[in-house]
Amino acid sequence: MNYANWIFGKQMVENRISYPMKNLLLIVILFILAGCYYDSEEALFGKPAALTSTCNIDSTKFSVNIKPILQSKCLGCHSNSSAASSGAGIKLQDYADVKIHTDRLLGTVQQAAGYSPMPKGGLKLTDCSISMIQAWITKGSPNN
């Protein structure tokens, strides 16, 4: 089958395109079609190391997992010294403060409907951090 005939019609090809041009045209069309192949960066090079790490929520502890998240993402506004002025009076400085607010903590960090999304003006917590907070609350918010 002559692909140039098929694409442009037999009459046009016979009258206007020479044999070397037909081959050139066929090669150009094949290159164009081959260029339409799509691969994602992940399929070609694998996932970045940050995305392949696992999130272990089985042994989530307040002192090891939850407190560092709160210190890095929440205490800018919700420390004992700044909660009154920039944290709506909500303190998250230590376990006793956090325990009082566990009923709202998960909804705010998940940025769920009906909750004030936190952290304000910052990026949403990572899925792993949110999963750790959820696992800790599900376990009864132990002081460990």
Protein backbone atom coordinates (compact mmCIF):
# COMPACT_ATOMS: atom_id res chain seq x y z
CA MET A 1 0.00 0.00 0.00
CA ASN A 2 1.33 3.42 -0.91
CA TYR A 3 0.68 5.57 2.17
CA ALA A 4 1.02 8.82 0.27
CA ASN A 5 -1.86 7.71 -1.99
CA TRP A 6 -3.89 6.82 1.03
CA ILE A 7 -3.23 10.17 2.76
CA PHE A 8 -3.44 12.59 -0.15
CA GLY A 9 -5.46 10.67 -2.73
CA LYS A 10 -4.11 8.83 -5.76
CA GLN A 11 -4.69 11.61 -8.30
CA MET A 12 -2.83 14.28 -6.31
CA VAL A 13 0.13 12.01 -5.58
CA GLU A 14 0.54 10.82 -9.17
CA ASN A 15 0.37 14.31 -10.61
CA ARG A 16 2.21 16.45 -8.10
CA ILE A 17 4.56 14.46 -5.85
CA SER A 18 7.64 12.77 -7.24
CA TYR A 19 8.88 9.41 -5.98
CA PRO A 20 11.67 10.83 -3.73
CA MET A 21 9.20 13.34 -2.33
CA LYS A 22 6.79 10.52 -1.52
CA ASN A 23 9.47 8.78 0.53
CA LEU A 24 10.45 12.01 2.26
CA LEU A 25 6.83 12.76 3.03
CA LEU A 26 6.36 9.28 4.47
CA ILE A 27 9.44 9.68 6.69
CA VAL A 28 8.28 13.08 7.94
CA ILE A 29 4.83 11.70 8.78
CA LEU A 30 6.39 8.79 10.66
CA PHE A 31 8.58 11.18 12.70
CA ILE A 32 5.57 13.30 13.56
CA LEU A 33 3.58 10.30 14.69
CA ALA A 34 6.51 8.92 16.68
CA GLY A 35 6.85 12.31 18.42
CA CYS A 36 3.31 12.04 19.73
CA TYR A 37 4.28 9.29 22.15
CA TYR A 38 3.92 10.43 25.77
CA ASP A 39 5.81 9.26 28.84
CA SER A 40 5.52 10.79 32.24
CA GLU A 41 8.68 11.78 34.05
CA GLU A 42 7.92 9.19 36.71
CA ALA A 43 7.59 6.42 34.11
CA LEU A 44 10.94 7.35 32.57
CA PHE A 45 13.01 8.10 35.67
CA GLY A 46 11.06 6.65 38.60
CA LYS A 47 9.61 8.54 41.52
CA PRO A 48 11.80 11.00 43.41
CA ALA A 49 13.15 9.69 46.69
CA ALA A 50 10.88 12.02 48.68
CA LEU A 51 7.80 10.44 47.10
CA THR A 52 8.92 6.83 47.50
CA SER A 53 9.50 7.01 51.24
CA THR A 54 6.84 5.34 53.30
CA CYS A 55 4.80 6.95 56.00
CA ASN A 56 4.73 4.73 59.06
CA ILE A 57 1.67 5.55 61.14
CA ASP A 58 1.65 2.31 63.11
CA SER A 59 3.71 3.63 66.01
CA THR A 60 2.71 7.29 65.99
CA LYS A 61 3.62 9.02 69.26
CA PHE A 62 2.95 12.53 70.45
CA SER A 63 6.52 13.31 71.51
CA VAL A 64 8.17 11.72 68.45
CA ASN A 65 5.77 12.52 65.61
CA ILE A 66 3.01 14.97 66.51
CA LYS A 67 4.91 17.52 68.60
CA PRO A 68 7.57 18.13 65.88
CA ILE A 69 4.83 18.69 63.28
CA LEU A 70 3.11 21.20 65.56
CA GLN A 71 6.39 22.92 66.42
CA SER A 72 7.35 23.43 62.79
CA LYS A 73 3.92 24.26 61.35
CA CYS A 74 1.70 25.62 64.15
CA LEU A 75 3.63 27.31 66.93
CA GLY A 76 4.33 30.43 64.88
CA CYS A 77 0.75 31.45 65.69
CA HIS A 78 -0.35 28.98 68.38
CA SER A 79 2.45 29.16 70.96
CA ASN A 80 1.65 30.30 74.49
CA SER A 81 3.15 33.71 73.75
CA SER A 82 1.47 34.37 70.39
CA ALA A 83 -1.87 32.53 70.61
CA ALA A 84 -3.75 35.52 72.00
CA SER A 85 -2.67 37.88 69.21
CA SER A 86 -2.40 35.67 66.12
CA GLY A 87 -3.78 32.24 67.00
CA ALA A 88 -7.35 33.07 68.01
CA GLY A 89 -6.44 32.12 71.57
CA ILE A 90 -5.79 28.50 70.60
CA LYS A 91 -2.59 27.22 72.21
CA LEU A 92 -0.78 24.16 70.88
CA GLN A 93 2.43 24.50 72.90
CA ASP A 94 2.30 21.22 74.82
CA TYR A 95 0.31 18.01 75.18
CA ALA A 96 -2.31 19.49 77.54
CA ASP A 97 -3.03 22.33 75.09
CA VAL A 98 -3.23 20.00 72.08
CA LYS A 99 -5.44 17.46 73.89
CA ILE A 100 -8.09 20.16 74.45
CA HIS A 101 -8.29 20.83 70.70
CA THR A 102 -8.07 17.32 69.20
CA ASP A 103 -11.74 17.50 68.19
CA ARG A 104 -10.93 20.33 65.73
CA LEU A 105 -7.26 19.65 64.99
CA LEU A 106 -7.75 17.01 62.31
CA GLY A 107 -10.43 18.95 60.41
CA THR A 108 -8.31 22.08 60.30
CA VAL A 109 -5.13 20.40 59.05
CA GLN A 110 -7.13 18.39 56.52
CA GLN A 111 -8.66 21.70 55.46
CA ALA A 112 -12.08 20.04 55.54
CA ALA A 113 -15.31 21.92 54.91
CA GLY A 114 -16.58 23.72 58.00
CA TYR A 115 -13.10 24.14 59.50
CA SER A 116 -10.70 27.03 59.28
CA PRO A 117 -7.89 25.71 57.03
CA MET A 118 -4.51 25.54 58.73
CA PRO A 119 -1.79 26.52 58.60
CA LYS A 120 -3.03 29.98 57.64
CA GLY A 121 -1.05 31.50 54.80
CA GLY A 122 1.09 28.38 54.51
CA LEU A 123 1.10 25.18 52.53
CA LYS A 124 -1.16 22.34 53.59
CA LEU A 125 0.56 19.71 55.71
CA THR A 126 1.87 16.69 53.87
CA ASP A 127 -0.40 13.66 53.56
CA CYS A 128 1.98 11.77 55.86
CA SER A 129 1.76 14.44 58.58
CA ILE A 130 -2.03 14.49 58.35
CA SER A 131 -2.12 10.67 58.49
CA MET A 132 0.08 10.70 61.60
CA ILE A 133 -2.18 13.21 63.34
CA GLN A 134 -5.24 11.17 62.37
CA ALA A 135 -3.67 7.92 63.61
CA TRP A 136 -2.67 9.55 66.89
CA ILE A 137 -6.20 10.93 67.44
CA THR A 138 -7.75 7.56 66.48
CA LYS A 139 -5.58 5.89 69.15
CA GLY A 140 -7.13 8.21 71.74
CA SER A 141 -4.50 10.98 71.63
CA PRO A 142 -2.14 9.34 74.14
CA ASN A 143 0.54 11.35 75.91
CA ASN A 144 3.48 9.24 74.76
